[in-house]
Amino acid sequence: MTKDSAGSTEEQRFANPVFEPVLADPSVVFDGNENKFYAYGTEDNWGDGQDARFVPILESTNLTDWRYVAEAFEQKPAWKKEGWIWAPDINNIYGQYYLYYSISTWGDSDPGIGLAIADSPTGPFVDQGKLFTSKEMDVPNSIDPFYIAENGEEYLFWGSFDRGPKQGTYAVKLKDNGRRVKSFLDTTKIAAGDFEAVMIHKKDGYYYFFGSKGSCCEGAKSGYHVLVGRSQHLLGPYLDKEGNDIRVRGRGTVVMKGNDTYAGPGHNSRIFTDKDGKDWILYHAIKKEDAKLINGTSRRVLMLDEVRWEEGWPIIHDGEPSHARNVVPSF
């Protein structure tokens, strides 16, 4: 709260975007020691005369005011010769910061997922090498990792757009404190290959699968949007609001799509609950009036909106990105 010149109290407000020029595919973690949030994004050249940032890291106390503080990597991991570091997934586990990440090029026939670990949210992160590649796991387009632990087991969910017979989002158990895959042969298909950017959220006895569909990176023409399914079991089956299994293409209930101001909202973070019990989610989107950087890259800014729940189903803001001034989360 703040007071105006007349002495009355007014609520602090924010407006999207909460950071620019770029923080694509955001993953966010809360550091209880510092009482700060840290956001991590895909490797990008921001068009500011500097080289590409190898997983930029932002810092905030309230999810609305962010500042750039570091890069997660001093140099690219050496286990794959070519590719960019995409879609990091940050986790505070075992008293350390685990950063699962993808390495891929556009149209890569054998992308993969690796792990880096640090004692601090700002690093330095020490690469632990690859967990697997697409060919090793027999899942095409093996990117977009997401870690979750449940009932004493650790899982990695992953997968991205593809139309091949093995396409889709999958889950696999981990071992060795989340550093290795337990069995390359024991995987579970979660969603069809028209989804990517999996995030699982548990609430009121259900697991909610959030995923993105459509084109992520075509500037103002981007068609990215967020859909959801839910299940009473972590490994599914996940059904949409109409009861359709999301392992079938074309399924899922839309929770956010673009509007006249923003194109391509998607690849959301985990959900954070503030002191007032409100749920908040971060994601990237593209301002239609300022859609690309000087280098031609889509200008995917960082966005924040409230997640509301209606009869057991989520909706982000009112189903599209907000551009009005909203009350700042209470943390």
C-alpha atoms as a PDB file:
ATOM      1  CA  MET A   1       0.000   0.000   0.000  1.00  0.00           C
ATOM      2  CA  THR A   2       1.031   3.623  -0.586  1.00  0.00           C
ATOM      3  CA  LYS A   3      -0.449   6.954   0.498  1.00  0.00           C
ATOM      4  CA  ASP A   4      -1.254   9.814  -1.822  1.00  0.00           C
ATOM      5  CA  SER A   5      -0.754  13.512  -0.999  1.00  0.00           C
ATOM      6  CA  ALA A   6      -4.152  13.653   0.692  1.00  0.00           C
ATOM      7  CA  GLY A   7      -3.168  10.844   3.050  1.00  0.00           C
ATOM      8  CA  SER A   8      -5.550   8.213   1.663  1.00  0.00           C
ATOM      9  CA  THR A   9      -4.306   4.700   1.025  1.00  0.00           C
ATOM     10  CA  GLU A  10      -4.078   3.336  -2.495  1.00  0.00           C
ATOM     11  CA  GLU A  11      -3.000  -0.087  -3.706  1.00  0.00           C
ATOM     12  CA  GLN A  12       0.199  -0.458  -5.674  1.00  0.00           C
ATOM     13  CA  ARG A  13      -0.435  -1.454  -9.258  1.00  0.00           C
ATOM     14  CA  PHE A  14       1.521  -2.820 -12.189  1.00  0.00           C
ATOM     15  CA  ALA A  15       0.977  -3.130 -15.921  1.00  0.00           C
ATOM     16  CA  ASN A  16       2.323  -5.670 -18.397  1.00  0.00           C
ATOM     17  CA  PRO A  17       4.934  -6.310 -19.539  1.00  0.00           C
ATOM     18  CA  VAL A  18       6.816  -6.720 -16.259  1.00  0.00           C
ATOM     19  CA  PHE A  19      10.168  -7.007 -18.078  1.00  0.00           C
ATOM     20  CA  GLU A  20      11.442  -6.248 -21.559  1.00  0.00           C
ATOM     21  CA  PRO A  21      12.965  -6.526 -24.129  1.00  0.00           C
ATOM     22  CA  VAL A  22      13.018 -10.342 -23.812  1.00  0.00           C
ATOM     23  CA  LEU A  23      12.582 -13.194 -21.377  1.00  0.00           C
ATOM     24  CA  ALA A  24      11.274 -16.120 -23.382  1.00  0.00           C
ATOM     25  CA  ASP A  25      10.078 -19.431 -21.909  1.00  0.00           C
ATOM     26  CA  PRO A  26      10.267 -18.170 -18.318  1.00  0.00           C
ATOM     27  CA  SER A  27      10.911 -20.459 -15.359  1.00  0.00           C
ATOM     28  CA  VAL A  28      10.744 -18.936 -11.880  1.00  0.00           C
ATOM     29  CA  VAL A  29      11.892 -19.999  -8.405  1.00  0.00           C
ATOM     30  CA  PHE A  30      11.561 -18.413  -4.952  1.00  0.00           C
ATOM     31  CA  ASP A  31      14.660 -18.161  -2.768  1.00  0.00           C
ATOM     32  CA  GLY A  32      13.548 -18.202   0.877  1.00  0.00           C
ATOM     33  CA  ASN A  33      16.935 -17.064   2.159  1.00  0.00           C
ATOM     34  CA  GLU A  34      16.880 -13.858   0.119  1.00  0.00           C
ATOM     35  CA  ASN A  35      13.069 -13.565  -0.046  1.00  0.00           C
ATOM     36  CA  LYS A  36      13.400 -12.989  -3.769  1.00  0.00           C
ATOM     37  CA  PHE A  37      12.138 -14.529  -6.973  1.00  0.00           C
ATOM     38  CA  TYR A  38      14.518 -15.470  -9.779  1.00  0.00           C
ATOM     39  CA  ALA A  39      13.380 -15.887 -13.385  1.00  0.00           C
ATOM     40  CA  TYR A  40      15.346 -17.732 -16.090  1.00  0.00           C
ATOM     41  CA  GLY A  41      14.801 -17.547 -19.837  1.00  0.00           C
ATOM     42  CA  THR A  42      15.850 -19.066 -23.126  1.00  0.00           C
ATOM     43  CA  GLU A  43      19.195 -18.022 -24.626  1.00  0.00           C
ATOM     44  CA  ASP A  44      18.553 -14.892 -26.677  1.00  0.00           C
ATOM     45  CA  ASN A  45      20.287 -11.969 -28.309  1.00  0.00           C
ATOM     46  CA  TRP A  46      18.424  -8.921 -27.026  1.00  0.00           C
ATOM     47  CA  GLY A  47      19.521  -6.727 -29.899  1.00  0.00           C
ATOM     48  CA  ASP A  48      21.402  -4.387 -27.558  1.00  0.00           C
ATOM     49  CA  GLY A  49      24.870  -4.824 -29.031  1.00  0.00           C
ATOM     50  CA  GLN A  50      25.852  -7.611 -26.669  1.00  0.00           C
ATOM     51  CA  ASP A  51      26.228 -11.259 -27.565  1.00  0.00           C
ATOM     52  CA  ALA A  52      23.481 -13.767 -26.817  1.00  0.00           C
ATOM     53  CA  ARG A  53      22.903 -14.278 -23.109  1.00  0.00           C
ATOM     54  CA  PHE A  54      23.326 -17.915 -22.064  1.00  0.00           C
ATOM     55  CA  VAL A  55      20.121 -18.189 -19.991  1.00  0.00           C
ATOM     56  CA  PRO A  56      19.509 -14.698 -18.587  1.00  0.00           C
ATOM     57  CA  ILE A  57      18.566 -14.462 -14.897  1.00  0.00           C
ATOM     58  CA  LEU A  58      16.251 -11.785 -13.461  1.00  0.00           C
ATOM     59  CA  GLU A  59      15.580 -10.883  -9.812  1.00  0.00           C
ATOM     60  CA  SER A  60      12.414  -9.561  -8.120  1.00  0.00           C
ATOM     61  CA  THR A  61      10.778  -9.262  -4.702  1.00  0.00           C
ATOM     62  CA  ASN A  62       7.182  -9.137  -5.930  1.00  0.00           C
ATOM     63  CA  LEU A  63       6.975 -10.718  -9.439  1.00  0.00           C
ATOM     64  CA  THR A  64       6.361  -7.275 -10.986  1.00  0.00           C
ATOM     65  CA  ASP A  65       9.629  -5.338 -10.673  1.00  0.00           C
ATOM     66  CA  TRP A  66      12.451  -7.285 -12.324  1.00  0.00           C
ATOM     67  CA  ARG A  67      16.110  -6.525 -12.955  1.00  0.00           C
ATOM     68  CA  TYR A  68      18.698  -8.454 -14.936  1.00  0.00           C
ATOM     69  CA  VAL A  69      21.435  -9.871 -12.672  1.00  0.00           C
ATOM     70  CA  ALA A  70      23.412 -12.645 -14.421  1.00  0.00           C
ATOM     71  CA  GLU A  71      23.713 -15.402 -16.980  1.00  0.00           C
ATOM     72  CA  ALA A  72      23.397 -19.004 -15.823  1.00  0.00           C
ATOM     73  CA  PHE A  73      26.239 -20.214 -18.081  1.00  0.00           C
ATOM     74  CA  GLU A  74      29.629 -18.675 -18.761  1.00  0.00           C
ATOM     75  CA  GLN A  75      29.890 -20.888 -21.842  1.00  0.00           C
ATOM     76  CA  LYS A  76      27.677 -23.384 -23.604  1.00  0.00           C
ATOM     77  CA  PRO A  77      27.634 -26.983 -22.391  1.00  0.00           C
ATOM     78  CA  ALA A  78      30.101 -29.092 -24.365  1.00  0.00           C
ATOM     79  CA  TRP A  79      28.103 -32.317 -24.738  1.00  0.00           C
ATOM     80  CA  LYS A  80      26.321 -31.084 -27.890  1.00  0.00           C
ATOM     81  CA  LYS A  81      28.231 -29.413 -30.715  1.00  0.00           C
ATOM     82  CA  GLU A  82      25.493 -27.153 -32.057  1.00  0.00           C
ATOM     83  CA  GLY A  83      22.390 -25.532 -30.665  1.00  0.00           C
ATOM     84  CA  TRP A  84      20.941 -22.895 -28.365  1.00  0.00           C
ATOM     85  CA  ILE A  85      20.067 -23.288 -24.702  1.00  0.00           C
ATOM     86  CA  TRP A  86      16.288 -23.309 -24.637  1.00  0.00           C
ATOM     87  CA  ALA A  87      13.480 -23.511 -22.088  1.00  0.00           C
ATOM     88  CA  PRO A  88      15.308 -23.755 -18.744  1.00  0.00           C
ATOM     89  CA  ASP A  89      13.478 -25.262 -15.758  1.00  0.00           C
ATOM     90  CA  ILE A  90      14.743 -24.047 -12.368  1.00  0.00           C
ATOM     91  CA  ASN A  91      14.195 -25.939  -9.087  1.00  0.00           C
ATOM     92  CA  ASN A  92      15.343 -25.484  -5.500  1.00  0.00           C
ATOM     93  CA  ILE A  93      16.000 -29.071  -4.316  1.00  0.00           C
ATOM     94  CA  TYR A  94      18.585 -30.829  -2.174  1.00  0.00           C
ATOM     95  CA  GLY A  95      19.682 -27.422  -0.903  1.00  0.00           C
ATOM     96  CA  GLN A  96      20.872 -26.459  -4.378  1.00  0.00           C
ATOM     97  CA  TYR A  97      19.524 -24.950  -7.589  1.00  0.00           C
ATOM     98  CA  TYR A  98      18.897 -27.501 -10.336  1.00  0.00           C
ATOM     99  CA  LEU A  99      18.556 -26.051 -13.828  1.00  0.00           C
ATOM    100  CA  TYR A 100      17.260 -28.538 -16.394  1.00  0.00           C
ATOM    101  CA  TYR A 101      17.670 -27.179 -19.921  1.00  0.00           C
ATOM    102  CA  SER A 102      17.347 -28.068 -23.610  1.00  0.00           C
ATOM    103  CA  ILE A 103      19.914 -27.745 -26.364  1.00  0.00           C
ATOM    104  CA  SER A 104      18.494 -27.607 -29.873  1.00  0.00           C
ATOM    105  CA  THR A 105      18.566 -25.900 -33.236  1.00  0.00           C
ATOM    106  CA  TRP A 106      15.472 -25.220 -35.345  1.00  0.00           C
ATOM    107  CA  GLY A 107      14.557 -28.536 -36.972  1.00  0.00           C
ATOM    108  CA  ASP A 108      17.158 -30.447 -34.930  1.00  0.00           C
ATOM    109  CA  SER A 109      16.967 -34.221 -35.501  1.00  0.00           C
ATOM    110  CA  ASP A 110      18.571 -35.005 -32.147  1.00  0.00           C
ATOM    111  CA  PRO A 111      18.053 -32.282 -29.511  1.00  0.00           C
ATOM    112  CA  GLY A 112      18.587 -33.145 -25.877  1.00  0.00           C
ATOM    113  CA  ILE A 113      18.163 -32.220 -22.245  1.00  0.00           C
ATOM    114  CA  GLY A 114      20.892 -31.533 -19.699  1.00  0.00           C
ATOM    115  CA  LEU A 115      21.304 -30.421 -16.104  1.00  0.00           C
ATOM    116  CA  ALA A 116      23.377 -27.723 -14.413  1.00  0.00           C
ATOM    117  CA  ILE A 117      23.607 -27.155 -10.636  1.00  0.00           C
ATOM    118  CA  ALA A 118      24.532 -24.147  -8.475  1.00  0.00           C
ATOM    119  CA  ASP A 119      24.612 -23.290  -4.781  1.00  0.00           C
ATOM    120  CA  SER A 120      23.128 -19.870  -5.470  1.00  0.00           C
ATOM    121  CA  PRO A 121      20.208 -18.837  -7.724  1.00  0.00           C
ATOM    122  CA  THR A 122      22.569 -16.533  -9.627  1.00  0.00           C
ATOM    123  CA  GLY A 123      25.192 -19.227 -10.093  1.00  0.00           C
ATOM    124  CA  PRO A 124      27.754 -20.025 -11.139  1.00  0.00           C
ATOM    125  CA  PHE A 125      25.958 -23.082 -12.565  1.00  0.00           C
ATOM    126  CA  VAL A 126      28.164 -26.118 -13.123  1.00  0.00           C
ATOM    127  CA  ASP A 127      27.071 -28.308 -16.014  1.00  0.00           C
ATOM    128  CA  GLN A 128      26.405 -31.947 -15.113  1.00  0.00           C
ATOM    129  CA  GLY A 129      26.117 -33.045 -18.743  1.00  0.00           C
ATOM    130  CA  LYS A 130      23.234 -34.515 -20.677  1.00  0.00           C
ATOM    131  CA  LEU A 131      20.374 -36.597 -19.325  1.00  0.00           C
ATOM    132  CA  PHE A 132      19.399 -37.823 -22.784  1.00  0.00           C
ATOM    133  CA  THR A 133      18.929 -36.936 -26.438  1.00  0.00           C
ATOM    134  CA  SER A 134      15.929 -37.588 -28.660  1.00  0.00           C
ATOM    135  CA  LYS A 135      17.537 -40.610 -30.298  1.00  0.00           C
ATOM    136  CA  GLU A 136      18.538 -42.121 -26.964  1.00  0.00           C
ATOM    137  CA  MET A 137      15.002 -41.711 -25.581  1.00  0.00           C
ATOM    138  CA  ASP A 138      13.239 -42.441 -28.893  1.00  0.00           C
ATOM    139  CA  VAL A 139      11.087 -39.318 -28.503  1.00  0.00           C
ATOM    140  CA  PRO A 140      11.373 -36.678 -31.254  1.00  0.00           C
ATOM    141  CA  ASN A 141      12.004 -33.036 -30.366  1.00  0.00           C
ATOM    142  CA  SER A 142      13.114 -33.796 -26.791  1.00  0.00           C
ATOM    143  CA  ILE A 143      13.110 -30.272 -25.341  1.00  0.00           C
ATOM    144  CA  ASP A 144      11.132 -28.269 -22.733  1.00  0.00           C
ATOM    145  CA  PRO A 145      11.963 -30.124 -19.485  1.00  0.00           C
ATOM    146  CA  PHE A 146       9.851 -29.873 -16.322  1.00  0.00           C
ATOM    147  CA  TYR A 147      10.822 -31.430 -12.977  1.00  0.00           C
ATOM    148  CA  ILE A 148       8.356 -32.613 -10.337  1.00  0.00           C
ATOM    149  CA  ALA A 149       8.625 -34.855  -7.267  1.00  0.00           C
ATOM    150  CA  GLU A 150       5.722 -36.899  -5.909  1.00  0.00           C
ATOM    151  CA  ASN A 151       5.426 -39.704  -3.335  1.00  0.00           C
ATOM    152  CA  GLY A 152       9.167 -40.166  -3.020  1.00  0.00           C
ATOM    153  CA  GLU A 153       9.732 -40.349  -6.788  1.00  0.00           C
ATOM    154  CA  GLU A 154      11.250 -37.719  -9.063  1.00  0.00           C
ATOM    155  CA  TYR A 155      10.065 -37.220 -12.635  1.00  0.00           C
ATOM    156  CA  LEU A 156      11.078 -35.243 -15.666  1.00  0.00           C
ATOM    157  CA  PHE A 157       8.318 -34.277 -18.100  1.00  0.00           C
ATOM    158  CA  TRP A 158       9.409 -33.129 -21.540  1.00  0.00           C
ATOM    159  CA  GLY A 159       8.522 -33.001 -25.247  1.00  0.00           C
ATOM    160  CA  SER A 160       7.598 -30.605 -28.014  1.00  0.00           C
ATOM    161  CA  PHE A 161       5.920 -30.224 -31.391  1.00  0.00           C
ATOM    162  CA  ASP A 162       6.186 -33.188 -33.742  1.00  0.00           C
ATOM    163  CA  ARG A 163       3.967 -35.313 -35.990  1.00  0.00           C
ATOM    164  CA  GLY A 164       5.959 -38.552 -35.932  1.00  0.00           C
ATOM    165  CA  PRO A 165       4.629 -41.812 -34.448  1.00  0.00           C
ATOM    166  CA  LYS A 166       6.443 -41.231 -31.129  1.00  0.00           C
ATOM    167  CA  GLN A 167       5.440 -37.542 -30.902  1.00  0.00           C
ATOM    168  CA  GLY A 168       4.200 -36.050 -27.657  1.00  0.00           C
ATOM    169  CA  THR A 169       4.919 -34.965 -24.108  1.00  0.00           C
ATOM    170  CA  TYR A 170       6.334 -37.762 -21.942  1.00  0.00           C
ATOM    171  CA  ALA A 171       7.345 -38.419 -18.331  1.00  0.00           C
ATOM    172  CA  VAL A 172      10.269 -40.495 -17.039  1.00  0.00           C
ATOM    173  CA  LYS A 173      11.522 -41.264 -13.521  1.00  0.00           C
ATOM    174  CA  LEU A 174      14.847 -39.873 -12.336  1.00  0.00           C
ATOM    175  CA  LYS A 175      17.470 -41.298  -9.970  1.00  0.00           C
ATOM    176  CA  ASP A 176      20.713 -40.207  -8.259  1.00  0.00           C
ATOM    177  CA  ASN A 177      19.081 -37.137  -6.703  1.00  0.00           C
ATOM    178  CA  GLY A 178      17.543 -36.045  -9.986  1.00  0.00           C
ATOM    179  CA  ARG A 179      20.781 -36.259 -11.950  1.00  0.00           C
ATOM    180  CA  ARG A 180      20.100 -39.291 -14.142  1.00  0.00           C
ATOM    181  CA  VAL A 181      17.237 -41.092 -15.880  1.00  0.00           C
ATOM    182  CA  LYS A 182      16.127 -44.228 -14.033  1.00  0.00           C
ATOM    183  CA  SER A 183      15.228 -46.227 -17.164  1.00  0.00           C
ATOM    184  CA  PHE A 184      15.172 -45.131 -20.797  1.00  0.00           C
ATOM    185  CA  LEU A 185      12.599 -47.852 -21.489  1.00  0.00           C
ATOM    186  CA  ASP A 186      10.048 -46.842 -18.842  1.00  0.00           C
ATOM    187  CA  THR A 187       8.320 -43.709 -20.149  1.00  0.00           C
ATOM    188  CA  THR A 188       4.703 -42.541 -20.026  1.00  0.00           C
ATOM    189  CA  LYS A 189       3.005 -40.523 -22.738  1.00  0.00           C
ATOM    190  CA  ILE A 190       1.168 -37.552 -21.250  1.00  0.00           C
ATOM    191  CA  ALA A 191      -0.012 -35.408 -24.187  1.00  0.00           C
ATOM    192  CA  ALA A 192      -0.054 -35.331 -27.983  1.00  0.00           C
ATOM    193  CA  GLY A 193       2.636 -33.744 -30.146  1.00  0.00           C
ATOM    194  CA  ASP A 194       0.699 -30.540 -30.786  1.00  0.00           C
ATOM    195  CA  PHE A 195       1.608 -29.511 -27.212  1.00  0.00           C
ATOM    196  CA  GLU A 196       4.864 -28.177 -25.817  1.00  0.00           C
ATOM    197  CA  ALA A 197       6.091 -26.321 -22.697  1.00  0.00           C
ATOM    198  CA  VAL A 198       4.554 -28.662 -20.126  1.00  0.00           C
ATOM    199  CA  MET A 199       3.929 -27.422 -16.565  1.00  0.00           C
ATOM    200  CA  ILE A 200       2.113 -29.518 -13.949  1.00  0.00           C
ATOM    201  CA  HIS A 201       0.272 -27.857 -11.050  1.00  0.00           C
ATOM    202  CA  LYS A 202      -1.391 -29.735  -8.182  1.00  0.00           C
ATOM    203  CA  LYS A 203      -4.558 -28.305  -6.622  1.00  0.00           C
ATOM    204  CA  ASP A 204      -7.510 -29.749  -4.684  1.00  0.00           C
ATOM    205  CA  GLY A 205      -6.817 -33.371  -5.570  1.00  0.00           C
ATOM    206  CA  TYR A 206      -6.110 -32.781  -9.265  1.00  0.00           C
ATOM    207  CA  TYR A 207      -2.969 -32.442 -11.336  1.00  0.00           C
ATOM    208  CA  TYR A 208      -3.336 -29.766 -14.004  1.00  0.00           C
ATOM    209  CA  PHE A 209      -1.362 -30.024 -17.233  1.00  0.00           C
ATOM    210  CA  PHE A 210      -0.616 -26.595 -18.728  1.00  0.00           C
ATOM    211  CA  GLY A 211       0.813 -26.662 -22.251  1.00  0.00           C
ATOM    212  CA  SER A 212       1.211 -24.348 -25.228  1.00  0.00           C
ATOM    213  CA  LYS A 213       0.159 -24.823 -28.852  1.00  0.00           C
ATOM    214  CA  GLY A 214       0.656 -22.827 -32.038  1.00  0.00           C
ATOM    215  CA  SER A 215       3.529 -20.803 -33.454  1.00  0.00           C
ATOM    216  CA  CYS A 216       5.727 -19.236 -30.763  1.00  0.00           C
ATOM    217  CA  CYS A 217       7.998 -17.003 -32.783  1.00  0.00           C
ATOM    218  CA  GLU A 218       6.397 -15.320 -35.800  1.00  0.00           C
ATOM    219  CA  GLY A 219       6.246 -11.825 -34.365  1.00  0.00           C
ATOM    220  CA  ALA A 220       2.790 -10.258 -34.467  1.00  0.00           C
ATOM    221  CA  LYS A 221       1.480 -13.305 -36.351  1.00  0.00           C
ATOM    222  CA  SER A 222       2.414 -15.763 -33.582  1.00  0.00           C
ATOM    223  CA  GLY A 223      -0.461 -18.054 -32.642  1.00  0.00           C
ATOM    224  CA  TYR A 224       0.856 -19.428 -29.357  1.00  0.00           C
ATOM    225  CA  HIS A 225      -1.804 -20.057 -26.705  1.00  0.00           C
ATOM    226  CA  VAL A 226      -2.170 -21.999 -23.444  1.00  0.00           C
ATOM    227  CA  LEU A 227      -4.418 -24.991 -22.875  1.00  0.00           C
ATOM    228  CA  VAL A 228      -5.056 -27.286 -19.924  1.00  0.00           C
ATOM    229  CA  GLY A 229      -6.154 -30.795 -19.002  1.00  0.00           C
ATOM    230  CA  ARG A 230      -6.457 -32.384 -15.563  1.00  0.00           C
ATOM    231  CA  SER A 231      -6.098 -35.782 -13.904  1.00  0.00           C
ATOM    232  CA  GLN A 232      -6.349 -37.325 -10.457  1.00  0.00           C
ATOM    233  CA  HIS A 233      -3.018 -39.041 -11.138  1.00  0.00           C
ATOM    234  CA  LEU A 234       0.338 -37.426 -11.929  1.00  0.00           C
ATOM    235  CA  LEU A 235       0.919 -39.685 -14.935  1.00  0.00           C
ATOM    236  CA  GLY A 236      -2.587 -39.223 -16.269  1.00  0.00           C
ATOM    237  CA  PRO A 237      -4.658 -39.691 -18.247  1.00  0.00           C
ATOM    238  CA  TYR A 238      -5.242 -35.942 -18.524  1.00  0.00           C
ATOM    239  CA  LEU A 239      -8.658 -34.890 -19.808  1.00  0.00           C
ATOM    240  CA  ASP A 240      -9.909 -31.495 -20.939  1.00  0.00           C
ATOM    241  CA  LYS A 241     -13.120 -29.884 -19.698  1.00  0.00           C
ATOM    242  CA  GLU A 242     -15.152 -31.834 -22.256  1.00  0.00           C
ATOM    243  CA  GLY A 243     -13.634 -35.148 -21.125  1.00  0.00           C
ATOM    244  CA  ASN A 244     -11.276 -35.572 -24.097  1.00  0.00           C
ATOM    245  CA  ASP A 245      -7.892 -37.264 -23.597  1.00  0.00           C
ATOM    246  CA  ILE A 246      -5.128 -34.774 -24.422  1.00  0.00           C
ATOM    247  CA  ARG A 247      -2.963 -37.599 -25.795  1.00  0.00           C
ATOM    248  CA  VAL A 248      -5.128 -37.111 -28.897  1.00  0.00           C
ATOM    249  CA  ARG A 249      -4.211 -34.130 -31.077  1.00  0.00           C
ATOM    250  CA  GLY A 250      -6.592 -31.197 -31.074  1.00  0.00           C
ATOM    251  CA  ARG A 251      -7.656 -31.598 -27.441  1.00  0.00           C
ATOM    252  CA  GLY A 252      -7.279 -29.336 -24.397  1.00  0.00           C
ATOM    253  CA  THR A 253      -9.255 -26.481 -22.846  1.00  0.00           C
ATOM    254  CA  VAL A 254      -8.015 -22.978 -23.721  1.00  0.00           C
ATOM    255  CA  VAL A 255      -7.028 -20.868 -20.701  1.00  0.00           C
ATOM    256  CA  MET A 256      -5.280 -18.024 -22.545  1.00  0.00           C
ATOM    257  CA  LYS A 257      -4.932 -16.792 -26.120  1.00  0.00           C
ATOM    258  CA  GLY A 258      -3.769 -13.612 -27.818  1.00  0.00           C
ATOM    259  CA  ASN A 259      -5.714 -10.376 -28.187  1.00  0.00           C
ATOM    260  CA  ASP A 260      -5.487  -7.093 -30.087  1.00  0.00           C
ATOM    261  CA  THR A 261      -2.466  -5.973 -28.049  1.00  0.00           C
ATOM    262  CA  TYR A 262      -0.462  -9.164 -27.528  1.00  0.00           C
ATOM    263  CA  ALA A 263       0.227 -12.109 -29.806  1.00  0.00           C
ATOM    264  CA  GLY A 264       1.436 -15.555 -28.846  1.00  0.00           C
ATOM    265  CA  PRO A 265       1.062 -15.752 -25.046  1.00  0.00           C
ATOM    266  CA  GLY A 266       2.484 -19.001 -23.708  1.00  0.00           C
ATOM    267  CA  HIS A 267       5.241 -21.158 -22.238  1.00  0.00           C
ATOM    268  CA  ASN A 268       4.201 -20.290 -18.706  1.00  0.00           C
ATOM    269  CA  SER A 269       6.031 -20.632 -15.400  1.00  0.00           C
ATOM    270  CA  ARG A 270       4.875 -22.500 -12.331  1.00  0.00           C
ATOM    271  CA  ILE A 271       2.067 -20.919 -10.298  1.00  0.00           C
ATOM    272  CA  PHE A 272       2.829 -18.844  -7.178  1.00  0.00           C
ATOM    273  CA  THR A 273       0.270 -18.106  -4.442  1.00  0.00           C
ATOM    274  CA  ASP A 274       0.514 -14.752  -2.660  1.00  0.00           C
ATOM    275  CA  LYS A 275      -0.381 -13.852   0.940  1.00  0.00           C
ATOM    276  CA  ASP A 276      -3.955 -13.050  -0.103  1.00  0.00           C
ATOM    277  CA  GLY A 277      -4.402 -16.527  -1.600  1.00  0.00           C
ATOM    278  CA  LYS A 278      -4.286 -15.303  -5.193  1.00  0.00           C
ATOM    279  CA  ASP A 279      -2.481 -17.439  -7.774  1.00  0.00           C
ATOM    280  CA  TRP A 280      -0.073 -15.822 -10.259  1.00  0.00           C
ATOM    281  CA  ILE A 281       1.647 -17.085 -13.386  1.00  0.00           C
ATOM    282  CA  LEU A 282       4.355 -15.662 -15.644  1.00  0.00           C
ATOM    283  CA  TYR A 283       4.615 -16.253 -19.386  1.00  0.00           C
ATOM    284  CA  HIS A 284       5.939 -14.583 -22.495  1.00  0.00           C
ATOM    285  CA  ALA A 285       4.010 -12.735 -25.183  1.00  0.00           C
ATOM    286  CA  ILE A 286       4.705 -10.422 -28.127  1.00  0.00           C
ATOM    287  CA  LYS A 287       3.523  -6.814 -28.363  1.00  0.00           C
ATOM    288  CA  LYS A 288       1.956  -6.510 -31.780  1.00  0.00           C
ATOM    289  CA  GLU A 289       3.070  -2.883 -32.166  1.00  0.00           C
ATOM    290  CA  ASP A 290       6.680  -3.750 -31.243  1.00  0.00           C
ATOM    291  CA  ALA A 291       6.934  -7.374 -32.314  1.00  0.00           C
ATOM    292  CA  LYS A 292      10.588  -7.857 -33.279  1.00  0.00           C
ATOM    293  CA  LEU A 293      14.052  -6.839 -32.192  1.00  0.00           C
ATOM    294  CA  ILE A 294      16.459  -5.080 -34.547  1.00  0.00           C
ATOM    295  CA  ASN A 295      18.009  -8.480 -35.342  1.00  0.00           C
ATOM    296  CA  GLY A 296      14.646  -9.882 -36.491  1.00  0.00           C
ATOM    297  CA  THR A 297      14.033 -12.041 -33.405  1.00  0.00           C
ATOM    298  CA  SER A 298      10.535 -12.052 -31.928  1.00  0.00           C
ATOM    299  CA  ARG A 299      10.438  -9.697 -28.962  1.00  0.00           C
ATOM    300  CA  ARG A 300       8.992 -12.042 -26.335  1.00  0.00           C
ATOM    301  CA  VAL A 301       8.443  -9.870 -23.241  1.00  0.00           C
ATOM    302  CA  LEU A 302       7.786 -11.169 -19.717  1.00  0.00           C
ATOM    303  CA  MET A 303       4.164 -11.040 -18.565  1.00  0.00           C
ATOM    304  CA  LEU A 304       2.345 -11.612 -15.262  1.00  0.00           C
ATOM    305  CA  ASP A 305      -1.320 -12.355 -14.662  1.00  0.00           C
ATOM    306  CA  GLU A 306      -3.592 -13.836 -12.039  1.00  0.00           C
ATOM    307  CA  VAL A 307      -4.893 -17.384 -12.394  1.00  0.00           C
ATOM    308  CA  ARG A 308      -8.547 -17.662 -11.409  1.00  0.00           C
ATOM    309  CA  TRP A 309     -10.349 -20.942 -10.783  1.00  0.00           C
ATOM    310  CA  GLU A 310     -13.905 -21.522 -11.949  1.00  0.00           C
ATOM    311  CA  GLU A 311     -15.592 -24.817 -11.016  1.00  0.00           C
ATOM    312  CA  GLY A 312     -12.241 -26.572 -10.760  1.00  0.00           C
ATOM    313  CA  TRP A 313     -10.787 -25.170 -13.985  1.00  0.00           C
ATOM    314  CA  PRO A 314      -8.204 -22.392 -14.386  1.00  0.00           C
ATOM    315  CA  ILE A 315      -8.430 -19.267 -16.479  1.00  0.00           C
ATOM    316  CA  ILE A 316      -5.495 -16.849 -16.845  1.00  0.00           C
ATOM    317  CA  HIS A 317      -6.745 -13.279 -16.307  1.00  0.00           C
ATOM    318  CA  ASP A 318      -9.918 -13.262 -18.429  1.00  0.00           C
ATOM    319  CA  GLY A 319      -8.571 -15.677 -21.034  1.00  0.00           C
ATOM    320  CA  GLU A 320      -6.143 -13.223 -22.618  1.00  0.00           C
ATOM    321  CA  PRO A 321      -3.182 -11.081 -21.508  1.00  0.00           C
ATOM    322  CA  SER A 322      -4.003  -8.068 -19.378  1.00  0.00           C
ATOM    323  CA  HIS A 323      -2.868  -4.580 -20.340  1.00  0.00           C
ATOM    324  CA  ALA A 324      -4.697  -2.545 -17.679  1.00  0.00           C
ATOM    325  CA  ARG A 325      -3.036  -1.701 -14.362  1.00  0.00           C
ATOM    326  CA  ASN A 326      -3.533  -4.570 -11.896  1.00  0.00           C
ATOM    327  CA  VAL A 327      -2.982  -4.777  -8.146  1.00  0.00           C
ATOM    328  CA  VAL A 328       0.557  -5.923  -7.291  1.00  0.00           C
ATOM    329  CA  PRO A 329       0.738  -9.412  -5.720  1.00  0.00           C
ATOM    330  CA  SER A 330       1.189  -9.467  -1.943  1.00  0.00           C
ATOM    331  CA  PHE A 331       4.406 -11.272  -0.977  1.00  0.00           C
END
